[in-house]
Amino acid sequence: MTAPILVGEIATRGPAADSLGTLVGAVRAAEAAGLDAVVLDDGAAPGGSAQGRFETTTLAAALAAATETIGLIVSPLPADQAPYHVARITASLDHLGHGRTGWLAGPADADGRTGELIEAVRGLWDSFDDDAFVHDRTDGLYWRLPAIHRLDHQGRHFDVAGPLNVARPPQGHPVVTVTDPALAGAADLVLLEDTDAARGTKQRAPHTKVLLPLPAAHGADEAAALLADSAADGFTVRLKGADDPVLATLAPLLRAGRPRHTTLRERLGLPRPASRHALTTV
């Protein structure tokens, strides 16, 4: 059996986030235990205070410099952020972390705004072909003009011309993460709460990876049985800090024998998406 995906959730305020050093220690401990990624949760934590709160994209940039292999999934950016801003920030983070960034998109909504946001952001990530930048000093050529593409997205909520002013991310697209099964078709990773939702999501969107919360007091055998019953691909676990018991006990059992990969997509077993322009570029 393939080792399950394991993703920690760390609040960016509260006891585990009283300083940058505390957060760095927690994420490094998760990395040492073999976790695939951490979700940097920008929501309120019980007993937390605003004083210890960190904005997650800024925090992810600092953590990228302090870690080597673990994925860093940032919380939803403010609801009024335009697709261009979201795409630019997440693409920049993916370059800074050498392909370790994930983006937790906002929840599904009745008018389809989040789904359209994901569509537009993915299109902007494809603004440059992978081989667009040639840096040819002899001919004075920085990039190949045919390898840059406008998006010209016109939708219900967004009009986005593009192109993005950041090279295509190392992963092609950072890992798009959602918490609502209604958005699974547009996502790479889905974080859910119950086994029935996991089964249904895997049936409708088999390309996605689906995670469930790791039940308390479960051993490795019980965890494996839960995965088999739900068709999920792994677990999320709320981490209280660097000394959380799950990092010293269950996590190493679940991670035994799993290879260390360089990008978050590789760690999760997700393919690197080809650019939408790959077949039309001359």
C-alpha atoms as a PDB file:
ATOM      1  CA  MET A   1       0.000   0.000   0.000  1.00  0.00           C
ATOM      2  CA  THR A   2       1.255   3.476  -0.872  1.00  0.00           C
ATOM      3  CA  ALA A   3       1.915   5.567   2.205  1.00  0.00           C
ATOM      4  CA  PRO A   4      -0.965   8.002   2.765  1.00  0.00           C
ATOM      5  CA  ILE A   5      -0.624  11.716   2.229  1.00  0.00           C
ATOM      6  CA  LEU A   6      -0.298  13.567   5.519  1.00  0.00           C
ATOM      7  CA  VAL A   7      -0.895  17.321   5.781  1.00  0.00           C
ATOM      8  CA  GLY A   8      -0.642  19.315   8.993  1.00  0.00           C
ATOM      9  CA  GLU A   9      -2.797  22.330   9.791  1.00  0.00           C
ATOM     10  CA  ILE A  10      -1.134  25.118  11.756  1.00  0.00           C
ATOM     11  CA  ALA A  11      -2.966  28.215  13.002  1.00  0.00           C
ATOM     12  CA  THR A  12      -1.129  31.461  12.358  1.00  0.00           C
ATOM     13  CA  ARG A  13      -2.265  32.862  15.661  1.00  0.00           C
ATOM     14  CA  GLY A  14      -2.581  31.328  19.098  1.00  0.00           C
ATOM     15  CA  PRO A  15      -0.089  29.393  21.280  1.00  0.00           C
ATOM     16  CA  ALA A  16       1.628  27.744  18.302  1.00  0.00           C
ATOM     17  CA  ALA A  17       2.140  31.115  16.596  1.00  0.00           C
ATOM     18  CA  ASP A  18       3.335  33.476  19.299  1.00  0.00           C
ATOM     19  CA  SER A  19       6.410  34.280  17.222  1.00  0.00           C
ATOM     20  CA  LEU A  20       7.982  33.522  13.870  1.00  0.00           C
ATOM     21  CA  GLY A  21      10.505  31.299  15.632  1.00  0.00           C
ATOM     22  CA  THR A  22       7.724  29.188  17.146  1.00  0.00           C
ATOM     23  CA  LEU A  23       6.102  28.698  13.744  1.00  0.00           C
ATOM     24  CA  VAL A  24       9.400  27.884  12.074  1.00  0.00           C
ATOM     25  CA  GLY A  25      10.050  25.278  14.778  1.00  0.00           C
ATOM     26  CA  ALA A  26       6.623  23.697  14.268  1.00  0.00           C
ATOM     27  CA  VAL A  27       6.961  23.494  10.484  1.00  0.00           C
ATOM     28  CA  ARG A  28      10.504  22.148  10.697  1.00  0.00           C
ATOM     29  CA  ALA A  29       9.294  19.467  13.121  1.00  0.00           C
ATOM     30  CA  ALA A  30       6.518  18.541  10.678  1.00  0.00           C
ATOM     31  CA  GLU A  31       9.082  18.350   7.884  1.00  0.00           C
ATOM     32  CA  ALA A  32      11.385  16.125   9.958  1.00  0.00           C
ATOM     33  CA  ALA A  33       8.454  13.797  10.709  1.00  0.00           C
ATOM     34  CA  GLY A  34       7.864  13.393   6.963  1.00  0.00           C
ATOM     35  CA  LEU A  35       4.625  15.330   6.529  1.00  0.00           C
ATOM     36  CA  ASP A  36       3.939  16.253   2.922  1.00  0.00           C
ATOM     37  CA  ALA A  37       2.689  19.776   3.595  1.00  0.00           C
ATOM     38  CA  VAL A  38       1.239  22.175   6.116  1.00  0.00           C
ATOM     39  CA  VAL A  39      -1.799  24.393   5.664  1.00  0.00           C
ATOM     40  CA  LEU A  40      -1.133  27.807   7.160  1.00  0.00           C
ATOM     41  CA  ASP A  41      -4.515  28.556   8.715  1.00  0.00           C
ATOM     42  CA  ASP A  42      -5.216  32.284   8.902  1.00  0.00           C
ATOM     43  CA  GLY A  43      -8.429  31.794  10.895  1.00  0.00           C
ATOM     44  CA  ALA A  44      -8.897  32.361  14.589  1.00  0.00           C
ATOM     45  CA  ALA A  45      -7.509  29.753  16.962  1.00  0.00           C
ATOM     46  CA  PRO A  46      -9.132  29.002  20.340  1.00  0.00           C
ATOM     47  CA  GLY A  47      -7.527  31.170  22.969  1.00  0.00           C
ATOM     48  CA  GLY A  48      -5.516  33.006  20.332  1.00  0.00           C
ATOM     49  CA  SER A  49      -4.894  36.705  20.080  1.00  0.00           C
ATOM     50  CA  ALA A  50      -4.501  39.011  17.121  1.00  0.00           C
ATOM     51  CA  GLN A  51      -1.025  39.942  18.331  1.00  0.00           C
ATOM     52  CA  GLY A  52       0.433  36.623  17.212  1.00  0.00           C
ATOM     53  CA  ARG A  53      -1.288  36.489  13.838  1.00  0.00           C
ATOM     54  CA  PHE A  54       0.701  36.273  10.611  1.00  0.00           C
ATOM     55  CA  GLU A  55      -0.565  36.841   7.073  1.00  0.00           C
ATOM     56  CA  THR A  56      -0.027  33.499   5.404  1.00  0.00           C
ATOM     57  CA  THR A  57       1.634  34.448   2.111  1.00  0.00           C
ATOM     58  CA  THR A  58       4.203  36.583   3.940  1.00  0.00           C
ATOM     59  CA  LEU A  59       4.691  33.765   6.431  1.00  0.00           C
ATOM     60  CA  ALA A  60       5.080  31.195   3.626  1.00  0.00           C
ATOM     61  CA  ALA A  61       7.919  33.221   2.106  1.00  0.00           C
ATOM     62  CA  ALA A  62       9.753  33.173   5.441  1.00  0.00           C
ATOM     63  CA  LEU A  63       9.090  29.460   5.942  1.00  0.00           C
ATOM     64  CA  ALA A  64      10.290  28.634   2.428  1.00  0.00           C
ATOM     65  CA  ALA A  65      13.713  30.012   3.387  1.00  0.00           C
ATOM     66  CA  ALA A  66      13.737  27.984   6.629  1.00  0.00           C
ATOM     67  CA  THR A  67      12.658  24.592   5.200  1.00  0.00           C
ATOM     68  CA  GLU A  68      13.672  22.293   2.348  1.00  0.00           C
ATOM     69  CA  THR A  69      11.017  19.744   1.358  1.00  0.00           C
ATOM     70  CA  ILE A  70       7.674  20.354   3.039  1.00  0.00           C
ATOM     71  CA  GLY A  71       4.832  21.908   1.048  1.00  0.00           C
ATOM     72  CA  LEU A  72       3.392  25.242   2.163  1.00  0.00           C
ATOM     73  CA  ILE A  73      -0.317  25.757   1.483  1.00  0.00           C
ATOM     74  CA  VAL A  74      -1.493  29.317   2.055  1.00  0.00           C
ATOM     75  CA  SER A  75      -4.991  30.230   3.221  1.00  0.00           C
ATOM     76  CA  PRO A  76      -7.463  32.063   1.000  1.00  0.00           C
ATOM     77  CA  LEU A  77      -6.420  35.574   0.158  1.00  0.00           C
ATOM     78  CA  PRO A  78      -8.935  38.367   0.888  1.00  0.00           C
ATOM     79  CA  ALA A  79     -12.196  37.957  -0.993  1.00  0.00           C
ATOM     80  CA  ASP A  80     -11.697  41.194  -2.898  1.00  0.00           C
ATOM     81  CA  GLN A  81      -8.329  40.135  -4.356  1.00  0.00           C
ATOM     82  CA  ALA A  82      -8.288  40.087  -8.137  1.00  0.00           C
ATOM     83  CA  PRO A  83      -7.128  36.950 -10.002  1.00  0.00           C
ATOM     84  CA  TYR A  84      -3.996  38.741 -11.162  1.00  0.00           C
ATOM     85  CA  HIS A  85      -2.903  39.456  -7.585  1.00  0.00           C
ATOM     86  CA  VAL A  86      -3.619  35.899  -6.458  1.00  0.00           C
ATOM     87  CA  ALA A  87      -1.746  34.425  -9.427  1.00  0.00           C
ATOM     88  CA  ARG A  88       1.250  36.726  -8.995  1.00  0.00           C
ATOM     89  CA  ILE A  89       1.633  36.071  -5.261  1.00  0.00           C
ATOM     90  CA  THR A  90       1.254  32.302  -5.512  1.00  0.00           C
ATOM     91  CA  ALA A  91       3.520  32.014  -8.559  1.00  0.00           C
ATOM     92  CA  SER A  92       6.175  34.083  -6.765  1.00  0.00           C
ATOM     93  CA  LEU A  93       5.923  31.832  -3.711  1.00  0.00           C
ATOM     94  CA  ASP A  94       6.295  28.737  -5.876  1.00  0.00           C
ATOM     95  CA  HIS A  95       9.519  30.135  -7.317  1.00  0.00           C
ATOM     96  CA  LEU A  96      10.799  31.091  -3.857  1.00  0.00           C
ATOM     97  CA  GLY A  97      10.064  27.611  -2.488  1.00  0.00           C
ATOM     98  CA  HIS A  98      11.299  25.746  -5.595  1.00  0.00           C
ATOM     99  CA  GLY A  99       7.914  24.198  -6.301  1.00  0.00           C
ATOM    100  CA  ARG A 100       6.430  23.707  -2.830  1.00  0.00           C
ATOM    101  CA  THR A 101       3.436  26.076  -2.856  1.00  0.00           C
ATOM    102  CA  GLY A 102      -0.249  25.293  -2.547  1.00  0.00           C
ATOM    103  CA  TRP A 103      -3.168  27.722  -2.574  1.00  0.00           C
ATOM    104  CA  LEU A 104      -6.293  27.124  -0.504  1.00  0.00           C
ATOM    105  CA  ALA A 105      -8.988  28.798  -2.571  1.00  0.00           C
ATOM    106  CA  GLY A 106     -12.078  30.252  -0.953  1.00  0.00           C
ATOM    107  CA  PRO A 107     -15.261  28.218  -0.384  1.00  0.00           C
ATOM    108  CA  ALA A 108     -17.777  27.554  -3.100  1.00  0.00           C
ATOM    109  CA  ASP A 109     -20.458  30.196  -3.462  1.00  0.00           C
ATOM    110  CA  ALA A 110     -23.868  30.377  -5.054  1.00  0.00           C
ATOM    111  CA  ASP A 111     -22.844  32.687  -7.894  1.00  0.00           C
ATOM    112  CA  GLY A 112     -19.722  30.765  -8.931  1.00  0.00           C
ATOM    113  CA  ARG A 113     -17.163  33.439  -8.078  1.00  0.00           C
ATOM    114  CA  THR A 114     -14.609  31.063  -6.523  1.00  0.00           C
ATOM    115  CA  GLY A 115     -14.762  28.646  -9.432  1.00  0.00           C
ATOM    116  CA  GLU A 116     -14.190  31.474 -11.892  1.00  0.00           C
ATOM    117  CA  LEU A 117     -11.354  32.806  -9.738  1.00  0.00           C
ATOM    118  CA  ILE A 118      -9.602  29.427  -9.922  1.00  0.00           C
ATOM    119  CA  GLU A 119     -10.114  29.279 -13.694  1.00  0.00           C
ATOM    120  CA  ALA A 120      -8.648  32.748 -14.228  1.00  0.00           C
ATOM    121  CA  VAL A 121      -5.701  32.157 -11.893  1.00  0.00           C
ATOM    122  CA  ARG A 122      -4.813  28.916 -13.673  1.00  0.00           C
ATOM    123  CA  GLY A 123      -4.926  30.761 -16.977  1.00  0.00           C
ATOM    124  CA  LEU A 124      -2.571  33.446 -15.696  1.00  0.00           C
ATOM    125  CA  TRP A 125      -0.088  30.831 -14.457  1.00  0.00           C
ATOM    126  CA  ASP A 126       0.148  29.736 -18.108  1.00  0.00           C
ATOM    127  CA  SER A 127       1.079  33.217 -19.348  1.00  0.00           C
ATOM    128  CA  PHE A 128       4.639  32.136 -20.155  1.00  0.00           C
ATOM    129  CA  ASP A 129       5.677  28.842 -21.711  1.00  0.00           C
ATOM    130  CA  ASP A 130       8.136  26.806 -19.657  1.00  0.00           C
ATOM    131  CA  ASP A 131      10.938  27.628 -22.091  1.00  0.00           C
ATOM    132  CA  ALA A 132       9.979  31.267 -22.685  1.00  0.00           C
ATOM    133  CA  PHE A 133      13.003  32.786 -20.954  1.00  0.00           C
ATOM    134  CA  VAL A 134      16.225  32.193 -22.888  1.00  0.00           C
ATOM    135  CA  HIS A 135      18.507  34.882 -21.370  1.00  0.00           C
ATOM    136  CA  ASP A 136      20.593  35.036 -24.551  1.00  0.00           C
ATOM    137  CA  ARG A 137      23.065  37.871 -24.005  1.00  0.00           C
ATOM    138  CA  THR A 138      24.737  37.383 -27.374  1.00  0.00           C
ATOM    139  CA  ASP A 139      21.550  38.100 -29.328  1.00  0.00           C
ATOM    140  CA  GLY A 140      20.089  40.370 -26.658  1.00  0.00           C
ATOM    141  CA  LEU A 141      17.066  38.096 -26.263  1.00  0.00           C
ATOM    142  CA  TYR A 142      15.495  37.868 -22.806  1.00  0.00           C
ATOM    143  CA  TRP A 143      12.402  35.854 -23.723  1.00  0.00           C
ATOM    144  CA  ARG A 144      10.809  34.482 -26.878  1.00  0.00           C
ATOM    145  CA  LEU A 145       7.858  36.660 -27.839  1.00  0.00           C
ATOM    146  CA  PRO A 146       5.712  33.763 -29.213  1.00  0.00           C
ATOM    147  CA  ALA A 147       6.041  32.074 -25.795  1.00  0.00           C
ATOM    148  CA  ILE A 148       4.074  34.739 -23.925  1.00  0.00           C
ATOM    149  CA  HIS A 149       0.277  34.656 -23.973  1.00  0.00           C
ATOM    150  CA  ARG A 150      -2.554  36.994 -23.044  1.00  0.00           C
ATOM    151  CA  LEU A 151      -5.431  35.462 -21.146  1.00  0.00           C
ATOM    152  CA  ASP A 152      -8.291  37.746 -22.229  1.00  0.00           C
ATOM    153  CA  HIS A 153     -10.675  36.171 -19.725  1.00  0.00           C
ATOM    154  CA  GLN A 154     -14.133  37.727 -19.726  1.00  0.00           C
ATOM    155  CA  GLY A 155     -16.515  36.223 -17.203  1.00  0.00           C
ATOM    156  CA  ARG A 156     -19.368  37.005 -14.893  1.00  0.00           C
ATOM    157  CA  HIS A 157     -17.107  38.234 -12.103  1.00  0.00           C
ATOM    158  CA  PHE A 158     -13.735  38.995 -13.671  1.00  0.00           C
ATOM    159  CA  ASP A 159     -12.275  40.535 -16.796  1.00  0.00           C
ATOM    160  CA  VAL A 160      -8.566  39.680 -16.905  1.00  0.00           C
ATOM    161  CA  ALA A 161      -6.393  40.574 -19.879  1.00  0.00           C
ATOM    162  CA  GLY A 162      -3.021  39.265 -18.701  1.00  0.00           C
ATOM    163  CA  PRO A 163      -0.370  38.188 -19.213  1.00  0.00           C
ATOM    164  CA  LEU A 164       1.097  37.654 -15.753  1.00  0.00           C
ATOM    165  CA  ASN A 165       4.483  39.269 -15.189  1.00  0.00           C
ATOM    166  CA  VAL A 166       5.956  36.199 -13.462  1.00  0.00           C
ATOM    167  CA  ALA A 167       7.480  33.177 -15.185  1.00  0.00           C
ATOM    168  CA  ARG A 168       5.454  29.961 -15.170  1.00  0.00           C
ATOM    169  CA  PRO A 169       5.686  28.388 -11.692  1.00  0.00           C
ATOM    170  CA  PRO A 170       8.057  25.434 -11.178  1.00  0.00           C
ATOM    171  CA  GLN A 171       5.044  23.157 -10.638  1.00  0.00           C
ATOM    172  CA  GLY A 172       3.258  24.538 -13.691  1.00  0.00           C
ATOM    173  CA  HIS A 173       0.390  25.339 -11.351  1.00  0.00           C
ATOM    174  CA  PRO A 174       0.753  25.517  -7.555  1.00  0.00           C
ATOM    175  CA  VAL A 175      -1.463  22.908  -5.904  1.00  0.00           C
ATOM    176  CA  VAL A 176      -5.050  24.237  -5.894  1.00  0.00           C
ATOM    177  CA  THR A 177      -6.702  23.165  -2.645  1.00  0.00           C
ATOM    178  CA  VAL A 178     -10.377  23.456  -1.662  1.00  0.00           C
ATOM    179  CA  THR A 179     -12.598  22.459   1.251  1.00  0.00           C
ATOM    180  CA  ASP A 180     -15.867  22.162  -0.662  1.00  0.00           C
ATOM    181  CA  PRO A 181     -16.595  19.059  -2.779  1.00  0.00           C
ATOM    182  CA  ALA A 182     -18.529  21.289  -5.190  1.00  0.00           C
ATOM    183  CA  LEU A 183     -15.169  22.729  -6.308  1.00  0.00           C
ATOM    184  CA  ALA A 184     -13.374  19.382  -6.622  1.00  0.00           C
ATOM    185  CA  GLY A 185     -13.478  19.432 -10.417  1.00  0.00           C
ATOM    186  CA  ALA A 186     -11.347  22.586 -10.469  1.00  0.00           C
ATOM    187  CA  ALA A 187      -8.951  21.475  -7.712  1.00  0.00           C
ATOM    188  CA  ASP A 188      -5.974  19.216  -7.124  1.00  0.00           C
ATOM    189  CA  LEU A 189      -6.443  18.589  -3.394  1.00  0.00           C
ATOM    190  CA  VAL A 190      -9.704  18.481  -1.434  1.00  0.00           C
ATOM    191  CA  LEU A 191      -9.860  18.681   2.365  1.00  0.00           C
ATOM    192  CA  LEU A 192     -13.084  17.134   3.660  1.00  0.00           C
ATOM    193  CA  GLU A 193     -14.675  16.170   6.975  1.00  0.00           C
ATOM    194  CA  ASP A 194     -16.544  12.880   6.438  1.00  0.00           C
ATOM    195  CA  THR A 195     -16.147   9.573   4.630  1.00  0.00           C
ATOM    196  CA  ASP A 196     -19.336   9.842   2.552  1.00  0.00           C
ATOM    197  CA  ALA A 197     -18.193  13.138   1.059  1.00  0.00           C
ATOM    198  CA  ALA A 198     -14.784  11.605   0.327  1.00  0.00           C
ATOM    199  CA  ARG A 199     -16.276   8.657  -1.554  1.00  0.00           C
ATOM    200  CA  GLY A 200     -18.531  10.881  -3.622  1.00  0.00           C
ATOM    201  CA  THR A 201     -15.736  13.302  -4.439  1.00  0.00           C
ATOM    202  CA  LYS A 202     -13.379  10.557  -5.620  1.00  0.00           C
ATOM    203  CA  GLN A 203     -16.106   9.189  -7.868  1.00  0.00           C
ATOM    204  CA  ARG A 204     -16.857  12.592  -9.436  1.00  0.00           C
ATOM    205  CA  ALA A 205     -13.279  13.880  -9.590  1.00  0.00           C
ATOM    206  CA  PRO A 206     -10.885  10.905  -9.596  1.00  0.00           C
ATOM    207  CA  HIS A 207      -7.982  13.172 -10.569  1.00  0.00           C
ATOM    208  CA  THR A 208      -8.056  14.899  -7.193  1.00  0.00           C
ATOM    209  CA  LYS A 209      -6.443  13.846  -3.928  1.00  0.00           C
ATOM    210  CA  VAL A 210      -8.880  13.745  -1.023  1.00  0.00           C
ATOM    211  CA  LEU A 211      -7.912  14.036   2.639  1.00  0.00           C
ATOM    212  CA  LEU A 212      -9.884  13.441   5.834  1.00  0.00           C
ATOM    213  CA  PRO A 213      -9.103  14.485   9.416  1.00  0.00           C
ATOM    214  CA  LEU A 214      -6.966  11.939  11.239  1.00  0.00           C
ATOM    215  CA  PRO A 215      -9.150  10.596  14.070  1.00  0.00           C
ATOM    216  CA  ALA A 216      -7.761  10.981  17.565  1.00  0.00           C
ATOM    217  CA  ALA A 217      -6.235   7.920  19.219  1.00  0.00           C
ATOM    218  CA  HIS A 218      -6.079   5.947  15.969  1.00  0.00           C
ATOM    219  CA  GLY A 219      -3.105   3.731  15.265  1.00  0.00           C
ATOM    220  CA  ALA A 220      -1.656   3.016  11.862  1.00  0.00           C
ATOM    221  CA  ASP A 221      -3.892  -0.024  11.277  1.00  0.00           C
ATOM    222  CA  GLU A 222      -7.063   1.894  12.093  1.00  0.00           C
ATOM    223  CA  ALA A 223      -5.941   4.755   9.876  1.00  0.00           C
ATOM    224  CA  ALA A 224      -5.365   2.373   6.961  1.00  0.00           C
ATOM    225  CA  ALA A 225      -8.836   0.870   7.447  1.00  0.00           C
ATOM    226  CA  LEU A 226     -10.408   4.341   7.378  1.00  0.00           C
ATOM    227  CA  LEU A 227      -8.654   5.142   4.098  1.00  0.00           C
ATOM    228  CA  ALA A 228      -9.835   1.882   2.549  1.00  0.00           C
ATOM    229  CA  ASP A 229     -13.426   2.544   3.639  1.00  0.00           C
ATOM    230  CA  SER A 230     -13.533   6.155   2.470  1.00  0.00           C
ATOM    231  CA  ALA A 231     -11.391   5.966  -0.711  1.00  0.00           C
ATOM    232  CA  ALA A 232      -9.469   8.962   0.657  1.00  0.00           C
ATOM    233  CA  ASP A 233      -5.785   9.453  -0.111  1.00  0.00           C
ATOM    234  CA  GLY A 234      -4.599  10.579   3.306  1.00  0.00           C
ATOM    235  CA  PHE A 235      -5.201  12.730   6.334  1.00  0.00           C
ATOM    236  CA  THR A 236      -5.088  16.204   7.744  1.00  0.00           C
ATOM    237  CA  VAL A 237      -4.011  16.681  11.332  1.00  0.00           C
ATOM    238  CA  ARG A 238      -4.235  19.797  13.479  1.00  0.00           C
ATOM    239  CA  LEU A 239      -0.774  20.490  14.911  1.00  0.00           C
ATOM    240  CA  LYS A 240      -0.413  22.270  18.228  1.00  0.00           C
ATOM    241  CA  GLY A 241       3.298  22.940  17.849  1.00  0.00           C
ATOM    242  CA  ALA A 242       6.723  21.391  17.410  1.00  0.00           C
ATOM    243  CA  ASP A 243       6.133  18.981  20.299  1.00  0.00           C
ATOM    244  CA  ASP A 244       2.755  17.667  19.094  1.00  0.00           C
ATOM    245  CA  PRO A 245       2.656  13.915  19.921  1.00  0.00           C
ATOM    246  CA  VAL A 246       1.465  12.954  16.435  1.00  0.00           C
ATOM    247  CA  LEU A 247       4.821  14.053  15.009  1.00  0.00           C
ATOM    248  CA  ALA A 248       6.697  11.621  17.243  1.00  0.00           C
ATOM    249  CA  THR A 249       4.325   8.665  17.089  1.00  0.00           C
ATOM    250  CA  LEU A 250       1.775   8.168  14.329  1.00  0.00           C
ATOM    251  CA  ALA A 251       3.273  10.335  11.592  1.00  0.00           C
ATOM    252  CA  PRO A 252       6.497   8.287  11.198  1.00  0.00           C
ATOM    253  CA  LEU A 253       4.433   5.070  10.966  1.00  0.00           C
ATOM    254  CA  LEU A 254       2.249   6.510   8.234  1.00  0.00           C
ATOM    255  CA  ARG A 255       5.228   7.922   6.382  1.00  0.00           C
ATOM    256  CA  ALA A 256       7.436   4.830   6.518  1.00  0.00           C
ATOM    257  CA  GLY A 257       9.086   4.148   3.157  1.00  0.00           C
ATOM    258  CA  ARG A 258       7.670   7.181   1.353  1.00  0.00           C
ATOM    259  CA  PRO A 259      10.300   8.821  -0.875  1.00  0.00           C
ATOM    260  CA  ARG A 260      11.264  12.469  -0.496  1.00  0.00           C
ATOM    261  CA  HIS A 261      10.311  14.423  -3.601  1.00  0.00           C
ATOM    262  CA  THR A 262      11.268  17.912  -4.571  1.00  0.00           C
ATOM    263  CA  THR A 263       7.942  19.549  -5.464  1.00  0.00           C
ATOM    264  CA  LEU A 264       4.631  19.423  -3.633  1.00  0.00           C
ATOM    265  CA  ARG A 265       2.953  17.923  -6.688  1.00  0.00           C
ATOM    266  CA  GLU A 266       5.473  15.097  -6.737  1.00  0.00           C
ATOM    267  CA  ARG A 267       4.986  14.460  -3.032  1.00  0.00           C
ATOM    268  CA  LEU A 268       1.213  14.259  -3.506  1.00  0.00           C
ATOM    269  CA  GLY A 269       1.411  12.096  -6.628  1.00  0.00           C
ATOM    270  CA  LEU A 270      -0.060  14.811  -8.839  1.00  0.00           C
ATOM    271  CA  PRO A 271       1.098  15.360 -12.428  1.00  0.00           C
ATOM    272  CA  ARG A 272       2.607  18.640 -13.527  1.00  0.00           C
ATOM    273  CA  PRO A 273      -0.051  20.228 -15.782  1.00  0.00           C
ATOM    274  CA  ALA A 274       0.887  21.137 -19.306  1.00  0.00           C
ATOM    275  CA  SER A 275       0.244  24.702 -20.362  1.00  0.00           C
ATOM    276  CA  ARG A 276      -3.018  25.307 -22.158  1.00  0.00           C
ATOM    277  CA  HIS A 277      -0.902  26.837 -24.922  1.00  0.00           C
ATOM    278  CA  ALA A 278       1.455  23.882 -25.312  1.00  0.00           C
ATOM    279  CA  LEU A 279      -0.164  22.568 -28.504  1.00  0.00           C
ATOM    280  CA  THR A 280      -0.552  25.951 -30.171  1.00  0.00           C
ATOM    281  CA  THR A 281       2.855  27.506 -29.542  1.00  0.00           C
ATOM    282  CA  VAL A 282       5.123  27.694 -32.595  1.00  0.00           C
END
